[in-house]
All heavy atoms as atom14 arrays in JSON, in Angstrom:
{
  "sequence": "GLKKLAEQVGQDFQSGIILYSGDSILSSGDDRFLAVPLSKL",
  "atom14_mask": [
    [1, 1, 1, 1, 0, 0, 0, 0, 0, 0, 0, 0, 0, 0],
    [1, 1, 1, 1, 1, 1, 1, 1, 0, 0, 0, 0, 0, 0],
    [1, 1, 1, 1, 1, 1, 1, 1, 1, 0, 0, 0, 0, 0],
    [1, 1, 1, 1, 1, 1, 1, 1, 1, 0, 0, 0, 0, 0],
    [1, 1, 1, 1, 1, 1, 1, 1, 0, 0, 0, 0, 0, 0],
    [1, 1, 1, 1, 1, 0, 0, 0, 0, 0, 0, 0, 0, 0],
    [1, 1, 1, 1, 1, 1, 1, 1, 1, 0, 0, 0, 0, 0],
    [1, 1, 1, 1, 1, 1, 1, 1, 1, 0, 0, 0, 0, 0],
    [1, 1, 1, 1, 1, 1, 1, 0, 0, 0, 0, 0, 0, 0],
    [1, 1, 1, 1, 0, 0, 0, 0, 0, 0, 0, 0, 0, 0],
    [1, 1, 1, 1, 1, 1, 1, 1, 1, 0, 0, 0, 0, 0],
    [1, 1, 1, 1, 1, 1, 1, 1, 0, 0, 0, 0, 0, 0],
    [1, 1, 1, 1, 1, 1, 1, 1, 1, 1, 1, 0, 0, 0],
    [1, 1, 1, 1, 1, 1, 1, 1, 1, 0, 0, 0, 0, 0],
    [1, 1, 1, 1, 1, 1, 0, 0, 0, 0, 0, 0, 0, 0],
    [1, 1, 1, 1, 0, 0, 0, 0, 0, 0, 0, 0, 0, 0],
    [1, 1, 1, 1, 1, 1, 1, 1, 0, 0, 0, 0, 0, 0],
    [1, 1, 1, 1, 1, 1, 1, 1, 0, 0, 0, 0, 0, 0],
    [1, 1, 1, 1, 1, 1, 1, 1, 0, 0, 0, 0, 0, 0],
    [1, 1, 1, 1, 1, 1, 1, 1, 1, 1, 1, 1, 0, 0],
    [1, 1, 1, 1, 1, 1, 0, 0, 0, 0, 0, 0, 0, 0],
    [1, 1, 1, 1, 0, 0, 0, 0, 0, 0, 0, 0, 0, 0],
    [1, 1, 1, 1, 1, 1, 1, 1, 0, 0, 0, 0, 0, 0],
    [1, 1, 1, 1, 1, 1, 0, 0, 0, 0, 0, 0, 0, 0],
    [1, 1, 1, 1, 1, 1, 1, 1, 0, 0, 0, 0, 0, 0],
    [1, 1, 1, 1, 1, 1, 1, 1, 0, 0, 0, 0, 0, 0],
    [1, 1, 1, 1, 1, 1, 0, 0, 0, 0, 0, 0, 0, 0],
    [1, 1, 1, 1, 1, 1, 0, 0, 0, 0, 0, 0, 0, 0],
    [1, 1, 1, 1, 0, 0, 0, 0, 0, 0, 0, 0, 0, 0],
    [1, 1, 1, 1, 1, 1, 1, 1, 0, 0, 0, 0, 0, 0],
    [1, 1, 1, 1, 1, 1, 1, 1, 0, 0, 0, 0, 0, 0],
    [1, 1, 1, 1, 1, 1, 1, 1, 1, 1, 1, 0, 0, 0],
    [1, 1, 1, 1, 1, 1, 1, 1, 1, 1, 1, 0, 0, 0],
    [1, 1, 1, 1, 1, 1, 1, 1, 0, 0, 0, 0, 0, 0],
    [1, 1, 1, 1, 1, 0, 0, 0, 0, 0, 0, 0, 0, 0],
    [1, 1, 1, 1, 1, 1, 1, 0, 0, 0, 0, 0, 0, 0],
    [1, 1, 1, 1, 1, 1, 1, 0, 0, 0, 0, 0, 0, 0],
    [1, 1, 1, 1, 1, 1, 1, 1, 0, 0, 0, 0, 0, 0],
    [1, 1, 1, 1, 1, 1, 0, 0, 0, 0, 0, 0, 0, 0],
    [1, 1, 1, 1, 1, 1, 1, 1, 1, 0, 0, 0, 0, 0],
    [1, 1, 1, 1, 1, 1, 1, 1, 0, 0, 0, 0, 0, 0]
  ],
  "atom14_positions": [
    [[252.47, 205.55, 276.72], [251.46, 205.29, 277.73], [252.0, 204.47, 278.89], [251.71, 204.75, 280.06], [0.0, 0.0, 0.0], [0.0, 0.0, 0.0], [0.0, 0.0, 0.0], [0.0, 0.0, 0.0], [0.0, 0.0, 0.0], [0.0, 0.0, 0.0], [0.0, 0.0, 0.0], [0.0, 0.0, 0.0], [0.0, 0.0, 0.0], [0.0, 0.0, 0.0]],
    [[252.79, 203.45, 278.59], [253.35, 202.6, 279.63], [254.28, 203.4, 280.54], [254.29, 203.22, 281.76], [254.1, 201.43, 279.0], [253.24, 200.39, 278.27], [254.11, 199.41, 277.5], [252.34, 199.64, 279.25], [0.0, 0.0, 0.0], [0.0, 0.0, 0.0], [0.0, 0.0, 0.0], [0.0, 0.0, 0.0], [0.0, 0.0, 0.0], [0.0, 0.0, 0.0]],
    [[255.06, 204.3, 279.95], [255.98, 205.1, 280.76], [255.22, 206.09, 281.64], [255.6, 206.34, 282.78], [256.98, 205.81, 279.86], [257.96, 204.84, 279.19], [258.98, 205.55, 278.32], [259.98, 204.55, 277.75], [261.01, 205.19, 276.9], [0.0, 0.0, 0.0], [0.0, 0.0, 0.0], [0.0, 0.0, 0.0], [0.0, 0.0, 0.0], [0.0, 0.0, 0.0]],
    [[254.13, 206.63, 281.1], [253.3, 207.54, 281.91], [252.66, 206.79, 283.07], [252.59, 207.3, 284.19], [252.23, 208.18, 281.01], [251.41, 209.25, 281.7], [252.25, 210.47, 282.04], [251.4, 211.6, 282.61], [250.48, 212.17, 281.61], [0.0, 0.0, 0.0], [0.0, 0.0, 0.0], [0.0, 0.0, 0.0], [0.0, 0.0, 0.0], [0.0, 0.0, 0.0]],
    [[252.2, 205.58, 282.77], [251.63, 204.75, 283.83], [252.67, 204.46, 284.9], [252.38, 204.54, 286.1], [251.1, 203.44, 283.24], [250.59, 202.4, 284.24], [249.38, 202.93, 285.02], [250.23, 201.1, 283.53], [0.0, 0.0, 0.0], [0.0, 0.0, 0.0], [0.0, 0.0, 0.0], [0.0, 0.0, 0.0], [0.0, 0.0, 0.0], [0.0, 0.0, 0.0]],
    [[253.89, 204.13, 284.49], [254.95, 203.84, 285.45], [255.2, 205.04, 286.36], [255.45, 204.88, 287.57], [256.23, 203.45, 284.71], [0.0, 0.0, 0.0], [0.0, 0.0, 0.0], [0.0, 0.0, 0.0], [0.0, 0.0, 0.0], [0.0, 0.0, 0.0], [0.0, 0.0, 0.0], [0.0, 0.0, 0.0], [0.0, 0.0, 0.0], [0.0, 0.0, 0.0]],
    [[255.13, 206.24, 285.81], [255.3, 207.45, 286.62], [254.19, 207.57, 287.66], [254.43, 207.93, 288.82], [255.31, 208.69, 285.72], [256.51, 208.82, 284.82], [256.39, 210.02, 283.89], [255.43, 210.82, 284.07], [257.22, 210.16, 282.98], [0.0, 0.0, 0.0], [0.0, 0.0, 0.0], [0.0, 0.0, 0.0], [0.0, 0.0, 0.0], [0.0, 0.0, 0.0]],
    [[252.96, 207.27, 287.23], [251.82, 207.37, 288.15], [251.91, 206.34, 289.27], [251.6, 206.64, 290.42], [250.51, 207.15, 287.36], [250.12, 208.28, 286.45], [249.52, 209.46, 287.21], [249.04, 209.29, 288.32], [249.56, 210.63, 286.62], [0.0, 0.0, 0.0], [0.0, 0.0, 0.0], [0.0, 0.0, 0.0], [0.0, 0.0, 0.0], [0.0, 0.0, 0.0]],
    [[252.34, 205.14, 288.93], [252.35, 204.04, 289.9], [253.56, 204.12, 290.83], [253.49, 203.73, 292.0], [252.31, 202.69, 289.16], [252.43, 201.52, 290.15], [251.02, 202.57, 288.36], [0.0, 0.0, 0.0], [0.0, 0.0, 0.0], [0.0, 0.0, 0.0], [0.0, 0.0, 0.0], [0.0, 0.0, 0.0], [0.0, 0.0, 0.0], [0.0, 0.0, 0.0]],
    [[254.68, 204.59, 290.31], [255.87, 204.69, 291.13], [256.52, 203.34, 291.37], [256.59, 202.48, 290.49], [0.0, 0.0, 0.0], [0.0, 0.0, 0.0], [0.0, 0.0, 0.0], [0.0, 0.0, 0.0], [0.0, 0.0, 0.0], [0.0, 0.0, 0.0], [0.0, 0.0, 0.0], [0.0, 0.0, 0.0], [0.0, 0.0, 0.0], [0.0, 0.0, 0.0]],
    [[256.97, 203.1, 292.59], [257.75, 201.89, 292.89], [256.93, 200.61, 292.79], [257.5, 199.51, 292.75], [258.35, 202.0, 294.29], [257.32, 202.05, 295.41], [257.96, 202.2, 296.78], [259.16, 202.43, 296.89], [257.15, 202.07, 297.82], [0.0, 0.0, 0.0], [0.0, 0.0, 0.0], [0.0, 0.0, 0.0], [0.0, 0.0, 0.0], [0.0, 0.0, 0.0]],
    [[255.62, 200.73, 292.75], [254.78, 199.54, 292.63], [254.66, 199.04, 291.18], [254.11, 197.96, 290.94], [253.37, 199.81, 293.17], [253.37, 200.04, 294.67], [254.2, 199.42, 295.36], [252.55, 200.85, 295.14], [0.0, 0.0, 0.0], [0.0, 0.0, 0.0], [0.0, 0.0, 0.0], [0.0, 0.0, 0.0], [0.0, 0.0, 0.0], [0.0, 0.0, 0.0]],
    [[255.16, 199.82, 290.23], [255.1, 199.4, 288.83], [256.07, 198.25, 288.61], [257.25, 198.35, 288.94], [255.44, 200.57, 287.9], [255.31, 200.23, 286.45], [254.07, 200.18, 285.83], [256.45, 199.95, 285.69], [253.95, 199.87, 284.49], [256.34, 199.65, 284.34], [255.09, 199.6, 283.74], [0.0, 0.0, 0.0], [0.0, 0.0, 0.0], [0.0, 0.0, 0.0]],
    [[255.56, 197.15, 288.04], [256.38, 195.95, 287.85], [257.0, 195.88, 286.46], [258.21, 195.7, 286.32], [255.54, 194.69, 288.1], [254.87, 194.66, 289.46], [255.88, 194.71, 290.59], [256.75, 193.85, 290.69], [255.76, 195.72, 291.45], [0.0, 0.0, 0.0], [0.0, 0.0, 0.0], [0.0, 0.0, 0.0], [0.0, 0.0, 0.0], [0.0, 0.0, 0.0]],
    [[256.18, 196.0, 285.44], [256.7, 195.97, 284.06], [255.59, 196.39, 283.12], [254.4, 196.41, 283.47], [257.21, 194.58, 283.68], [256.16, 193.64, 283.64], [0.0, 0.0, 0.0], [0.0, 0.0, 0.0], [0.0, 0.0, 0.0], [0.0, 0.0, 0.0], [0.0, 0.0, 0.0], [0.0, 0.0, 0.0], [0.0, 0.0, 0.0], [0.0, 0.0, 0.0]],
    [[255.97, 196.71, 281.89], [255.01, 197.06, 280.85], [255.42, 196.41, 279.54], [256.61, 196.42, 279.19], [0.0, 0.0, 0.0], [0.0, 0.0, 0.0], [0.0, 0.0, 0.0], [0.0, 0.0, 0.0], [0.0, 0.0, 0.0], [0.0, 0.0, 0.0], [0.0, 0.0, 0.0], [0.0, 0.0, 0.0], [0.0, 0.0, 0.0], [0.0, 0.0, 0.0]],
    [[254.47, 195.82, 278.84], [254.8, 195.18, 277.57], [253.86, 195.68, 276.47], [252.72, 196.07, 276.73], [254.73, 193.64, 277.64], [253.29, 193.17, 277.93], [255.69, 193.1, 278.67], [253.14, 191.66, 277.83], [0.0, 0.0, 0.0], [0.0, 0.0, 0.0], [0.0, 0.0, 0.0], [0.0, 0.0, 0.0], [0.0, 0.0, 0.0], [0.0, 0.0, 0.0]],
    [[254.39, 195.69, 275.27], [253.59, 195.94, 274.08], [253.42, 194.61, 273.36], [254.41, 193.97, 272.97], [254.25, 196.96, 273.14], [254.37, 198.32, 273.83], [253.46, 197.08, 271.85], [255.12, 199.35, 273.0], [0.0, 0.0, 0.0], [0.0, 0.0, 0.0], [0.0, 0.0, 0.0], [0.0, 0.0, 0.0], [0.0, 0.0, 0.0], [0.0, 0.0, 0.0]],
    [[252.2, 194.14, 273.23], [251.92, 192.95, 272.45], [251.75, 193.37, 270.99], [250.9, 194.21, 270.69], [250.66, 192.26, 272.97], [250.83, 191.48, 274.28], [249.47, 191.02, 274.79], [251.74, 190.28, 274.09], [0.0, 0.0, 0.0], [0.0, 0.0, 0.0], [0.0, 0.0, 0.0], [0.0, 0.0, 0.0], [0.0, 0.0, 0.0], [0.0, 0.0, 0.0]],
    [[252.56, 192.79, 270.11], [252.53, 193.22, 268.71], [252.62, 191.99, 267.81], [252.79, 190.86, 268.29], [253.66, 194.21, 268.44], [255.04, 193.6, 268.28], [255.76, 193.78, 267.1], [255.64, 192.84, 269.31], [257.04, 193.23, 266.95], [256.9, 192.3, 269.16], [257.6, 192.48, 267.98], [258.84, 191.93, 267.83], [0.0, 0.0, 0.0], [0.0, 0.0, 0.0]],
    [[252.53, 192.19, 266.49], [252.44, 191.07, 265.56], [253.79, 190.58, 265.05], [253.85, 189.83, 264.07], [251.57, 191.47, 264.35], [250.25, 191.72, 264.75], [0.0, 0.0, 0.0], [0.0, 0.0, 0.0], [0.0, 0.0, 0.0], [0.0, 0.0, 0.0], [0.0, 0.0, 0.0], [0.0, 0.0, 0.0], [0.0, 0.0, 0.0], [0.0, 0.0, 0.0]],
    [[254.87, 190.98, 265.7], [256.19, 190.55, 265.28], [256.56, 189.19, 265.85], [255.72, 188.47, 266.43], [0.0, 0.0, 0.0], [0.0, 0.0, 0.0], [0.0, 0.0, 0.0], [0.0, 0.0, 0.0], [0.0, 0.0, 0.0], [0.0, 0.0, 0.0], [0.0, 0.0, 0.0], [0.0, 0.0, 0.0], [0.0, 0.0, 0.0], [0.0, 0.0, 0.0]],
    [[257.83, 188.83, 265.71], [258.3, 187.5, 266.1], [259.25, 187.5, 267.29], [259.38, 186.49, 267.97], [259.01, 186.84, 264.9], [258.12, 186.72, 263.69], [257.15, 185.96, 263.74], [258.39, 187.43, 262.69], [0.0, 0.0, 0.0], [0.0, 0.0, 0.0], [0.0, 0.0, 0.0], [0.0, 0.0, 0.0], [0.0, 0.0, 0.0], [0.0, 0.0, 0.0]],
    [[259.93, 188.61, 267.53], [260.97, 188.67, 268.56], [260.5, 189.46, 269.78], [259.64, 190.34, 269.67], [262.24, 189.32, 267.99], [262.76, 188.58, 266.92], [0.0, 0.0, 0.0], [0.0, 0.0, 0.0], [0.0, 0.0, 0.0], [0.0, 0.0, 0.0], [0.0, 0.0, 0.0], [0.0, 0.0, 0.0], [0.0, 0.0, 0.0], [0.0, 0.0, 0.0]],
    [[261.08, 189.13, 270.93], [260.88, 189.95, 272.13], [261.95, 191.03, 272.1], [263.16, 190.73, 272.14], [261.0, 189.1, 273.4], [259.97, 187.97, 273.39], [260.8, 189.98, 274.64], [260.04, 187.06, 274.61], [0.0, 0.0, 0.0], [0.0, 0.0, 0.0], [0.0, 0.0, 0.0], [0.0, 0.0, 0.0], [0.0, 0.0, 0.0], [0.0, 0.0, 0.0]],
    [[261.51, 192.28, 272.02], [262.43, 193.39, 271.78], [262.6, 194.25, 273.02], [261.64, 194.55, 273.73], [261.91, 194.26, 270.63], [261.66, 193.55, 269.3], [261.04, 194.51, 268.3], [262.96, 192.95, 268.76], [0.0, 0.0, 0.0], [0.0, 0.0, 0.0], [0.0, 0.0, 0.0], [0.0, 0.0, 0.0], [0.0, 0.0, 0.0], [0.0, 0.0, 0.0]],
    [[263.83, 194.66, 273.27], [264.12, 195.56, 274.37], [263.84, 197.0, 273.96], [264.02, 197.38, 272.81], [265.58, 195.42, 274.79], [265.94, 196.41, 275.72], [0.0, 0.0, 0.0], [0.0, 0.0, 0.0], [0.0, 0.0, 0.0], [0.0, 0.0, 0.0], [0.0, 0.0, 0.0], [0.0, 0.0, 0.0], [0.0, 0.0, 0.0], [0.0, 0.0, 0.0]],
    [[263.4, 197.79, 274.93], [263.18, 199.22, 274.68], [264.37, 200.06, 275.13], [264.36, 201.28, 274.98], [261.94, 199.68, 275.44], [262.17, 199.64, 276.84], [0.0, 0.0, 0.0], [0.0, 0.0, 0.0], [0.0, 0.0, 0.0], [0.0, 0.0, 0.0], [0.0, 0.0, 0.0], [0.0, 0.0, 0.0], [0.0, 0.0, 0.0], [0.0, 0.0, 0.0]],
    [[265.36, 199.39, 275.72], [266.46, 200.13, 276.34], [266.26, 200.3, 277.82], [267.17, 200.72, 278.54], [0.0, 0.0, 0.0], [0.0, 0.0, 0.0], [0.0, 0.0, 0.0], [0.0, 0.0, 0.0], [0.0, 0.0, 0.0], [0.0, 0.0, 0.0], [0.0, 0.0, 0.0], [0.0, 0.0, 0.0], [0.0, 0.0, 0.0], [0.0, 0.0, 0.0]],
    [[265.07, 200.0, 278.31], [264.73, 200.03, 279.73], [264.18, 198.65, 280.06], [263.21, 198.2, 279.45], [263.68, 201.12, 280.0], [263.32, 201.25, 281.47], [263.38, 200.24, 282.21], [262.93, 202.36, 281.89], [0.0, 0.0, 0.0], [0.0, 0.0, 0.0], [0.0, 0.0, 0.0], [0.0, 0.0, 0.0], [0.0, 0.0, 0.0], [0.0, 0.0, 0.0]],
    [[264.79, 197.96, 281.02], [264.41, 196.58, 281.32], [262.95, 196.42, 281.71], [262.4, 195.32, 281.63], [265.29, 196.03, 282.46], [266.73, 195.84, 282.04], [266.98, 195.82, 280.82], [267.6, 195.73, 282.94], [0.0, 0.0, 0.0], [0.0, 0.0, 0.0], [0.0, 0.0, 0.0], [0.0, 0.0, 0.0], [0.0, 0.0, 0.0], [0.0, 0.0, 0.0]],
    [[262.32, 197.51, 282.11], [260.92, 197.4, 282.54], [259.95, 197.32, 281.36], [258.78, 196.95, 281.55], [260.54, 198.6, 283.41], [261.32, 198.71, 284.71], [260.92, 199.97, 285.46], [261.16, 201.16, 284.64], [260.67, 202.38, 284.92], [259.93, 202.55, 286.0], [260.96, 203.41, 284.14], [0.0, 0.0, 0.0], [0.0, 0.0, 0.0], [0.0, 0.0, 0.0]],
    [[260.4, 197.68, 280.18], [259.49, 197.78, 279.02], [260.02, 196.91, 277.87], [261.17, 197.05, 277.46], [259.37, 199.23, 278.56], [258.97, 200.18, 279.65], [259.9, 201.04, 280.22], [257.67, 200.21, 280.11], [259.54, 201.92, 281.22], [257.29, 201.08, 281.12], [258.23, 201.94, 281.68], [0.0, 0.0, 0.0], [0.0, 0.0, 0.0], [0.0, 0.0, 0.0]],
    [[259.13, 196.04, 277.36], [259.49, 195.14, 276.27], [258.36, 195.08, 275.26], [257.18, 195.32, 275.6], [259.76, 193.73, 276.78], [260.98, 193.48, 277.66], [260.92, 192.07, 278.23], [262.27, 193.67, 276.87], [0.0, 0.0, 0.0], [0.0, 0.0, 0.0], [0.0, 0.0, 0.0], [0.0, 0.0, 0.0], [0.0, 0.0, 0.0], [0.0, 0.0, 0.0]],
    [[258.69, 194.72, 274.03], [257.69, 194.37, 273.02], [257.68, 192.86, 272.89], [258.73, 192.24, 272.71], [258.03, 195.03, 271.68], [0.0, 0.0, 0.0], [0.0, 0.0, 0.0], [0.0, 0.0, 0.0], [0.0, 0.0, 0.0], [0.0, 0.0, 0.0], [0.0, 0.0, 0.0], [0.0, 0.0, 0.0], [0.0, 0.0, 0.0], [0.0, 0.0, 0.0]],
    [[256.5, 192.25, 273.02], [256.37, 190.78, 273.07], [255.4, 190.35, 271.97], [254.33, 190.94, 271.81], [255.85, 190.33, 274.45], [255.66, 188.82, 274.49], [256.81, 190.79, 275.56], [0.0, 0.0, 0.0], [0.0, 0.0, 0.0], [0.0, 0.0, 0.0], [0.0, 0.0, 0.0], [0.0, 0.0, 0.0], [0.0, 0.0, 0.0], [0.0, 0.0, 0.0]],
    [[255.75, 189.29, 271.22], [254.84, 188.82, 270.17], [253.5, 188.37, 270.71], [253.43, 187.71, 271.77], [255.61, 187.64, 269.55], [257.03, 187.89, 269.87], [257.03, 188.57, 271.21], [0.0, 0.0, 0.0], [0.0, 0.0, 0.0], [0.0, 0.0, 0.0], [0.0, 0.0, 0.0], [0.0, 0.0, 0.0], [0.0, 0.0, 0.0], [0.0, 0.0, 0.0]],
    [[252.43, 188.7, 270.02], [251.09, 188.24, 270.4], [251.03, 186.72, 270.44], [250.26, 186.15, 271.23], [250.06, 188.77, 269.39], [249.66, 190.23, 269.58], [249.18, 190.8, 268.24], [248.55, 190.34, 270.62], [0.0, 0.0, 0.0], [0.0, 0.0, 0.0], [0.0, 0.0, 0.0], [0.0, 0.0, 0.0], [0.0, 0.0, 0.0], [0.0, 0.0, 0.0]],
    [[251.82, 186.06, 269.62], [251.79, 184.6, 269.56], [252.16, 183.95, 270.88], [251.84, 182.77, 271.13], [252.72, 184.09, 268.45], [254.05, 184.52, 268.67], [0.0, 0.0, 0.0], [0.0, 0.0, 0.0], [0.0, 0.0, 0.0], [0.0, 0.0, 0.0], [0.0, 0.0, 0.0], [0.0, 0.0, 0.0], [0.0, 0.0, 0.0], [0.0, 0.0, 0.0]],
    [[252.83, 184.69, 271.78], [253.16, 184.14, 273.09], [251.9, 183.8, 273.89], [251.94, 182.99, 274.81], [254.04, 185.12, 273.89], [255.44, 185.33, 273.32], [256.27, 184.07, 273.42], [257.7, 184.33, 272.97], [258.53, 183.09, 273.01], [0.0, 0.0, 0.0], [0.0, 0.0, 0.0], [0.0, 0.0, 0.0], [0.0, 0.0, 0.0], [0.0, 0.0, 0.0]],
    [[250.79, 184.44, 273.55], [249.53, 184.15, 274.25], [249.12, 182.69, 274.08], [248.46, 182.13, 274.95], [248.41, 185.06, 273.72], [248.45, 186.53, 274.14], [247.46, 187.34, 273.3], [248.13, 186.67, 275.63], [0.0, 0.0, 0.0], [0.0, 0.0, 0.0], [0.0, 0.0, 0.0], [0.0, 0.0, 0.0], [0.0, 0.0, 0.0], [0.0, 0.0, 0.0]]
  ]
}
């Protein structure tokens, strides 16, 4: 979904994150997309 959104938005897309129940901030292989722990909230 985040990648589809990035396509729709184009150059105005800043970043996309998945908030999940893990502990680490994980790279997706693309600097624009990361998985971030919910606990960061």
